[in-house]
């Protein structure tokens, strides 16, 4: 099976993307085209992360060489099948969007003070905040230079997407305004930080394969809603028990003070439900840090088994259904079927 397509579904998926999404002869032909596109993309990413040599290139390629699912380029290559296929312009657009994603990871790890990314120590942990931030800036600049080759339409889309990425991070950092619904604020952050870039990837595949313009808005909506669903599933997986071979500590985000959707739902209940208020107090980062390991693990287990977690799963499924519904204007065939299956696979990670 193809390695790039296997990576794209993420963890907790026993079959590869090729196994699960491409079953007919036409499907497998599309899978081969996308795999060839990914191979070309990897070479392009390698050349586009060459700058002045030395440590600059080492840091710029650090997270690229650490792996990644390449979900965004795969979506661009898939939607391109609605037009002329994976043209040189689509490859350039996909390289730019992946570099933008990589750049955002360098910055996110500084913002979150993360010590790991993609199974390796984060760049800011290895080289410090300044080098990580500047490397992210460098990759953003290269991504912009690539899209400049494609003209004003591409530049505008990239600028709008970058603006949303920054706004999403600002919203997350500042928190909801007084009187603003915390859950609505959180979903808006996910739409900006994750959904916007996935949506742009799908749009670029349409635009630069010369596919019908009427398909651009459906895949944009699909990408944004799938991005939200993906992050909500991650909220649930964060508190899932770890497999013996992963070493993952359940509740990593919550221990770091991240208010995921189960926590936000619990906050809403705590105003009128003493049991919810008691659990909310137990899962505060300071309480988890000071508690004995068995006690902190027990608090995370109680959250995992609380109805707020099931409610989060249901919300993820709702966004996946809305993503699929957005595809109605697309013609029947491999592309539409595969996008539908992709959305289903995202939320199957919770089953």
Protein backbone atom coordinates (compact mmCIF):
# COMPACT_ATOMS: atom_id res chain seq x y z
CA UNK A 1 0.00 0.00 0.00
CA UNK A 2 1.14 3.53 -0.60
CA UNK A 3 2.91 5.11 2.35
CA UNK A 4 1.74 8.69 1.84
CA UNK A 5 -1.89 7.69 1.58
CA UNK A 6 -1.54 5.38 4.57
CA UNK A 7 -0.39 8.30 6.73
CA UNK A 8 -3.29 10.55 5.84
CA UNK A 9 -6.02 9.04 7.98
CA UNK A 10 -4.12 9.59 11.22
CA UNK A 11 -3.89 7.36 14.25
CA UNK A 12 -6.37 4.72 15.39
CA UNK A 13 -7.19 3.72 11.80
CA UNK A 14 -6.34 0.06 11.14
CA UNK A 15 -6.44 0.26 7.33
CA UNK A 16 -4.60 2.64 5.05
CA UNK A 17 -6.34 5.48 3.23
CA UNK A 18 -5.81 3.54 0.01
CA UNK A 19 -7.53 0.49 1.53
CA UNK A 20 -10.46 2.44 2.93
CA UNK A 21 -11.09 5.02 0.23
CA UNK A 22 -10.03 3.57 -3.12
CA UNK A 23 -11.78 0.31 -3.93
CA UNK A 24 -12.75 0.26 -7.64
CA UNK A 25 -10.46 0.29 -10.65
CA UNK A 26 -11.12 3.98 -11.26
CA UNK A 27 -10.56 4.67 -7.58
CA UNK A 28 -7.21 2.90 -7.66
CA UNK A 29 -6.16 4.83 -10.76
CA UNK A 30 -6.88 8.05 -8.87
CA UNK A 31 -4.93 6.72 -5.89
CA UNK A 32 -1.91 6.08 -8.12
CA UNK A 33 -2.11 9.60 -9.55
CA UNK A 34 -2.25 11.11 -6.08
CA UNK A 35 0.64 8.98 -4.88
CA UNK A 36 2.73 10.12 -7.85
CA UNK A 37 1.76 13.68 -7.01
CA UNK A 38 2.90 13.22 -3.41
CA UNK A 39 6.25 11.87 -4.58
CA UNK A 40 6.72 14.94 -6.78
CA UNK A 41 5.60 17.15 -3.90
CA UNK A 42 8.14 15.64 -1.47
CA UNK A 43 10.96 16.45 -3.89
CA UNK A 44 9.62 19.97 -4.31
CA UNK A 45 9.37 20.49 -0.55
CA UNK A 46 12.96 19.35 -0.18
CA UNK A 47 14.17 21.95 -2.68
CA UNK A 48 11.95 24.71 -1.29
CA UNK A 49 13.37 24.27 2.21
CA UNK A 50 16.87 25.02 0.99
CA UNK A 51 17.84 28.56 1.92
CA UNK A 52 21.39 29.56 2.82
CA UNK A 53 22.68 26.16 3.90
CA UNK A 54 24.07 25.16 7.27
CA UNK A 55 21.94 25.34 10.39
CA UNK A 56 19.26 27.43 8.64
CA UNK A 57 18.42 24.54 6.32
CA UNK A 58 18.66 21.99 9.14
CA UNK A 59 16.05 23.86 11.18
CA UNK A 60 13.83 24.61 8.16
CA UNK A 61 13.72 20.93 7.21
CA UNK A 62 13.47 19.65 10.77
CA UNK A 63 9.70 19.18 11.01
CA UNK A 64 9.41 18.30 7.32
CA UNK A 65 11.77 15.36 7.80
CA UNK A 66 10.00 14.36 11.03
CA UNK A 67 7.05 13.18 8.96
CA UNK A 68 3.48 14.35 8.63
CA UNK A 69 0.35 13.05 6.95
CA UNK A 70 0.30 15.49 3.98
CA UNK A 71 -3.49 15.63 4.34
CA UNK A 72 -3.73 19.10 2.79
CA UNK A 73 -1.82 18.28 -0.44
CA UNK A 74 -3.75 15.02 -0.76
CA UNK A 75 -7.03 16.96 -0.65
CA UNK A 76 -5.72 19.41 -3.25
CA UNK A 77 -4.66 16.54 -5.52
CA UNK A 78 -8.02 14.85 -5.03
CA UNK A 79 -10.14 17.90 -5.86
CA UNK A 80 -7.87 18.54 -8.85
CA UNK A 81 -9.30 15.35 -10.36
CA UNK A 82 -12.48 17.37 -10.99
CA UNK A 83 -10.48 19.37 -13.54
CA UNK A 84 -7.27 18.76 -15.48
CA UNK A 85 -5.68 16.70 -12.71
CA UNK A 86 -2.43 17.34 -10.86
CA UNK A 87 -0.92 20.06 -13.01
CA UNK A 88 2.39 21.78 -12.30
CA UNK A 89 0.38 24.67 -10.87
CA UNK A 90 -1.43 22.32 -8.48
CA UNK A 91 1.92 20.93 -7.29
CA UNK A 92 3.19 24.48 -6.67
CA UNK A 93 0.00 25.38 -4.77
CA UNK A 94 0.18 22.19 -2.70
CA UNK A 95 3.83 22.86 -1.82
CA UNK A 96 2.91 26.34 -0.69
CA UNK A 97 0.02 25.15 1.48
CA UNK A 98 2.18 22.47 3.12
CA UNK A 99 4.94 25.00 3.83
CA UNK A 100 2.32 27.28 5.37
CA UNK A 101 1.17 24.41 7.57
CA UNK A 102 4.76 23.62 8.57
CA UNK A 103 5.44 27.26 9.40
CA UNK A 104 2.38 27.38 11.63
CA UNK A 105 3.67 24.36 13.58
CA UNK A 106 6.92 26.15 14.46
CA UNK A 107 4.91 29.11 15.75
CA UNK A 108 2.31 26.98 17.54
CA UNK A 109 4.99 25.15 19.50
CA UNK A 110 6.40 28.45 20.73
CA UNK A 111 2.93 29.68 21.70
CA UNK A 112 2.14 26.41 23.49
CA UNK A 113 5.63 25.92 24.95
CA UNK A 114 5.46 22.42 23.49
CA UNK A 115 8.38 20.08 24.00
CA UNK A 116 7.48 17.60 21.23
CA UNK A 117 6.13 17.65 17.69
CA UNK A 118 5.73 14.66 15.37
CA UNK A 119 7.52 12.41 17.80
CA UNK A 120 10.68 14.53 18.05
CA UNK A 121 11.67 17.41 20.36
CA UNK A 122 10.07 20.64 19.11
CA UNK A 123 12.23 23.16 17.29
CA UNK A 124 11.83 25.73 20.06
CA UNK A 125 12.89 23.10 22.60
CA UNK A 126 16.05 22.31 20.59
CA UNK A 127 17.06 25.77 19.33
CA UNK A 128 15.02 28.24 21.35
CA UNK A 129 12.06 30.49 20.66
CA UNK A 130 13.80 33.03 18.46
CA UNK A 131 15.13 30.50 15.97
CA UNK A 132 11.80 28.65 15.87
CA UNK A 133 9.85 31.87 15.24
CA UNK A 134 12.23 33.07 12.55
CA UNK A 135 12.16 29.66 10.85
CA UNK A 136 8.37 29.80 10.76
CA UNK A 137 8.60 33.29 9.25
CA UNK A 138 11.07 32.02 6.67
CA UNK A 139 8.75 29.20 5.63
CA UNK A 140 5.79 31.58 5.42
CA UNK A 141 7.86 33.80 3.13
CA UNK A 142 8.76 30.88 0.85
CA UNK A 143 5.12 29.78 0.73
CA UNK A 144 4.12 33.29 -0.36
CA UNK A 145 6.84 33.36 -3.02
CA UNK A 146 5.52 30.11 -4.48
CA UNK A 147 1.96 31.37 -4.70
CA UNK A 148 3.19 34.59 -6.28
CA UNK A 149 4.18 32.41 -9.25
CA UNK A 150 0.51 31.52 -9.67
CA UNK A 151 -0.88 35.03 -9.77
CA UNK A 152 -3.15 37.35 -7.81
CA UNK A 153 -5.92 34.81 -7.18
CA UNK A 154 -3.52 32.51 -5.35
CA UNK A 155 -1.90 35.37 -3.42
CA UNK A 156 -5.29 36.62 -2.25
CA UNK A 157 -6.39 33.18 -1.09
CA UNK A 158 -3.13 32.64 0.78
CA UNK A 159 -3.34 36.09 2.40
CA UNK A 160 -6.91 35.50 3.53
CA UNK A 161 -5.98 32.09 4.92
CA UNK A 162 -2.92 33.42 6.74
CA UNK A 163 -5.05 36.19 8.22
CA UNK A 164 -7.48 33.60 9.57
CA UNK A 165 -4.64 31.50 11.00
CA UNK A 166 -3.37 34.53 12.91
CA UNK A 167 -6.85 35.58 14.02
CA UNK A 168 -7.54 32.07 15.26
CA UNK A 169 -4.38 32.08 17.36
CA UNK A 170 -5.19 35.55 18.69
CA UNK A 171 -8.72 34.50 19.60
CA UNK A 172 -7.36 31.47 21.40
CA UNK A 173 -4.76 33.53 23.26
CA UNK A 174 -7.14 36.33 24.27
CA UNK A 175 -10.04 34.05 25.11
CA UNK A 176 -13.73 34.83 24.68
CA UNK A 177 -14.94 38.38 25.22
CA UNK A 178 -17.11 39.16 28.21
CA UNK A 179 -20.54 37.65 27.63
CA UNK A 180 -19.42 35.63 24.59
CA UNK A 181 -20.45 31.99 24.50
CA UNK A 182 -17.30 29.98 25.24
CA UNK A 183 -18.27 27.05 23.03
CA UNK A 184 -19.05 29.31 20.06
CA UNK A 185 -15.70 31.06 20.59
CA UNK A 186 -13.88 27.72 20.67
CA UNK A 187 -15.50 26.49 17.45
CA UNK A 188 -14.58 29.79 15.76
CA UNK A 189 -10.95 29.25 16.82
CA UNK A 190 -10.95 25.75 15.31
CA UNK A 191 -12.49 27.04 12.09
CA UNK A 192 -9.77 29.67 11.75
CA UNK A 193 -6.74 27.69 12.94
CA UNK A 194 -7.47 24.33 11.33
CA UNK A 195 -10.47 24.55 9.02
CA UNK A 196 -9.25 27.51 6.97
CA UNK A 197 -6.05 25.84 5.78
CA UNK A 198 -7.76 22.56 4.91
CA UNK A 199 -10.43 24.52 3.04
CA UNK A 200 -7.79 26.48 1.12
CA UNK A 201 -6.10 23.23 0.10
CA UNK A 202 -9.29 21.88 -1.43
CA UNK A 203 -9.96 25.21 -3.16
CA UNK A 204 -6.50 25.37 -4.69
CA UNK A 205 -7.00 21.95 -6.26
CA UNK A 206 -10.12 23.26 -7.97
CA UNK A 207 -8.65 26.59 -9.06
CA UNK A 208 -5.37 25.35 -10.54
CA UNK A 209 -6.73 22.27 -12.26
CA UNK A 210 -9.20 24.51 -14.13
CA UNK A 211 -12.13 22.64 -12.60
CA UNK A 212 -15.57 24.28 -12.77
CA UNK A 213 -15.69 27.33 -10.51
CA UNK A 214 -19.03 26.15 -9.11
CA UNK A 215 -17.14 23.40 -7.23
CA UNK A 216 -14.94 25.81 -5.26
CA UNK A 217 -17.45 26.83 -2.58
CA UNK A 218 -18.64 23.28 -1.85
CA UNK A 219 -15.09 22.02 -1.25
CA UNK A 220 -14.28 25.12 0.80
CA UNK A 221 -17.19 24.45 3.15
CA UNK A 222 -16.28 20.76 3.23
CA UNK A 223 -12.68 21.50 4.20
CA UNK A 224 -13.57 23.91 6.98
CA UNK A 225 -16.13 21.62 8.57
CA UNK A 226 -13.88 18.57 8.30
CA UNK A 227 -11.13 20.58 10.00
CA UNK A 228 -13.43 21.36 12.92
CA UNK A 229 -14.53 17.73 13.18
CA UNK A 230 -10.89 16.60 13.15
CA UNK A 231 -9.98 18.87 16.06
CA UNK A 232 -13.03 17.84 18.09
CA UNK A 233 -12.02 14.22 17.65
CA UNK A 234 -8.55 15.16 18.89
CA UNK A 235 -10.20 16.62 22.01
CA UNK A 236 -11.68 13.19 22.68
CA UNK A 237 -8.50 11.29 21.82
CA UNK A 238 -6.56 13.50 24.22
CA UNK A 239 -8.36 11.90 27.17
CA UNK A 240 -8.46 8.39 25.71
CA UNK A 241 -6.47 5.67 27.49
CA UNK A 242 -3.08 5.19 25.90
CA UNK A 243 -1.94 2.01 24.22
CA UNK A 244 0.89 0.32 26.06
CA UNK A 245 3.36 1.06 23.26
CA UNK A 246 2.64 4.79 22.93
CA UNK A 247 3.54 6.09 26.36
CA UNK A 248 0.96 8.82 25.88
CA UNK A 249 -0.35 10.41 29.06
CA UNK A 250 -4.14 10.80 28.86
CA UNK A 251 -5.25 14.40 29.23
CA UNK A 252 -2.09 16.05 27.92
CA UNK A 253 -3.95 19.12 26.65
CA UNK A 254 -6.05 19.45 29.80
CA UNK A 255 -2.99 19.14 32.03
CA UNK A 256 -1.46 21.99 29.99
CA UNK A 257 -4.49 24.17 30.64
CA UNK A 258 -6.14 23.84 27.23
CA UNK A 259 -9.92 24.18 27.53
CA UNK A 260 -11.05 21.49 25.09
CA UNK A 261 -14.72 21.03 24.23
CA UNK A 262 -15.44 18.41 26.94
CA UNK A 263 -14.06 20.88 29.50
CA UNK A 264 -16.15 23.73 28.11
CA UNK A 265 -19.28 21.61 28.25
CA UNK A 266 -18.40 20.66 31.83
CA UNK A 267 -18.06 24.34 32.73
CA UNK A 268 -21.57 24.96 31.45
CA UNK A 269 -22.94 22.16 33.63
CA UNK A 270 -20.95 23.18 36.70
CA UNK A 271 -23.15 26.23 37.30
CA UNK A 272 -26.10 24.02 38.25
CA UNK A 273 -24.63 20.53 38.77
CA UNK A 274 -22.52 20.03 41.94
CA UNK A 275 -21.04 16.78 40.62
CA UNK A 276 -19.91 18.53 37.43
CA UNK A 277 -18.45 21.37 39.51
CA UNK A 278 -16.53 18.88 41.65
CA UNK A 279 -15.09 17.14 38.59
CA UNK A 280 -14.22 20.48 37.00
CA UNK A 281 -12.24 21.38 40.12
CA UNK A 282 -10.36 18.05 39.95
CA UNK A 283 -9.23 18.54 36.34
CA UNK A 284 -7.75 22.01 36.81
CA UNK A 285 -4.08 21.94 35.71
CA UNK A 286 -2.76 22.83 39.19
CA UNK A 287 -4.86 20.12 40.80
CA UNK A 288 -3.75 17.51 38.27
CA UNK A 289 -0.11 18.51 38.69
CA UNK A 290 -0.21 18.28 42.48
CA UNK A 291 -2.29 15.11 42.70
CA UNK A 292 -0.84 11.64 42.94
CA UNK A 293 -0.57 9.95 39.52
CA UNK A 294 -3.40 7.53 40.27
CA UNK A 295 -5.65 10.39 41.40
CA UNK A 296 -4.95 12.55 38.34
CA UNK A 297 -5.49 9.57 36.03
CA UNK A 298 -8.77 8.87 37.81
CA UNK A 299 -9.93 12.45 37.25
CA UNK A 300 -9.20 12.15 33.53
CA UNK A 301 -11.01 8.81 33.44
CA UNK A 302 -14.09 10.38 35.02
CA UNK A 303 -14.06 13.11 32.39
CA UNK A 304 -13.67 10.51 29.64
CA UNK A 305 -16.73 8.64 30.91
CA UNK A 306 -18.80 11.76 31.54
CA UNK A 307 -21.65 12.60 29.13
CA UNK A 308 -19.77 15.75 28.01
CA UNK A 309 -17.30 13.55 26.15
CA UNK A 310 -20.06 11.69 24.31
CA UNK A 311 -21.57 15.08 23.50
CA UNK A 312 -18.25 16.14 21.97
CA UNK A 313 -18.18 12.99 19.83
CA UNK A 314 -21.70 13.74 18.64
CA UNK A 315 -20.69 17.28 17.75
CA UNK A 316 -17.75 15.99 15.72
CA UNK A 317 -20.11 13.69 13.83
CA UNK A 318 -22.48 16.59 13.20
CA UNK A 319 -19.73 18.64 11.57
CA UNK A 320 -18.69 15.63 9.48
CA UNK A 321 -22.30 15.23 8.27
CA UNK A 322 -22.45 18.93 7.38
CA UNK A 323 -19.16 18.59 5.49
CA UNK A 324 -20.58 15.71 3.48
CA UNK A 325 -23.82 17.59 2.78
CA UNK A 326 -21.79 20.48 1.35
CA UNK A 327 -20.57 18.14 -1.41
CA UNK A 328 -24.02 17.75 -2.95
CA UNK A 329 -23.19 19.95 -6.00
CA UNK A 330 -20.21 17.75 -6.94
CA UNK A 331 -20.70 15.04 -9.58
CA UNK A 332 -20.93 11.44 -8.47
CA UNK A 333 -17.72 9.49 -8.82
CA UNK A 334 -14.38 8.78 -7.19
CA UNK A 335 -13.70 12.32 -5.95
CA UNK A 336 -17.03 12.82 -4.22
CA UNK A 337 -17.08 9.30 -2.82
CA UNK A 338 -13.55 9.64 -1.49
CA UNK A 339 -14.22 13.00 0.16
CA UNK A 340 -17.28 11.52 1.85
CA UNK A 341 -15.25 8.57 3.07
CA UNK A 342 -12.51 10.89 4.25
CA UNK A 343 -14.98 12.78 6.46
CA UNK A 344 -16.35 9.51 7.81
CA UNK A 345 -12.85 8.22 8.55
CA UNK A 346 -11.97 11.36 10.52
CA UNK A 347 -14.74 10.75 13.03
CA UNK A 348 -14.33 6.97 13.07
CA UNK A 349 -11.18 7.58 15.09
CA UNK A 350 -13.46 7.87 18.15
CA UNK A 351 -15.06 4.45 17.70
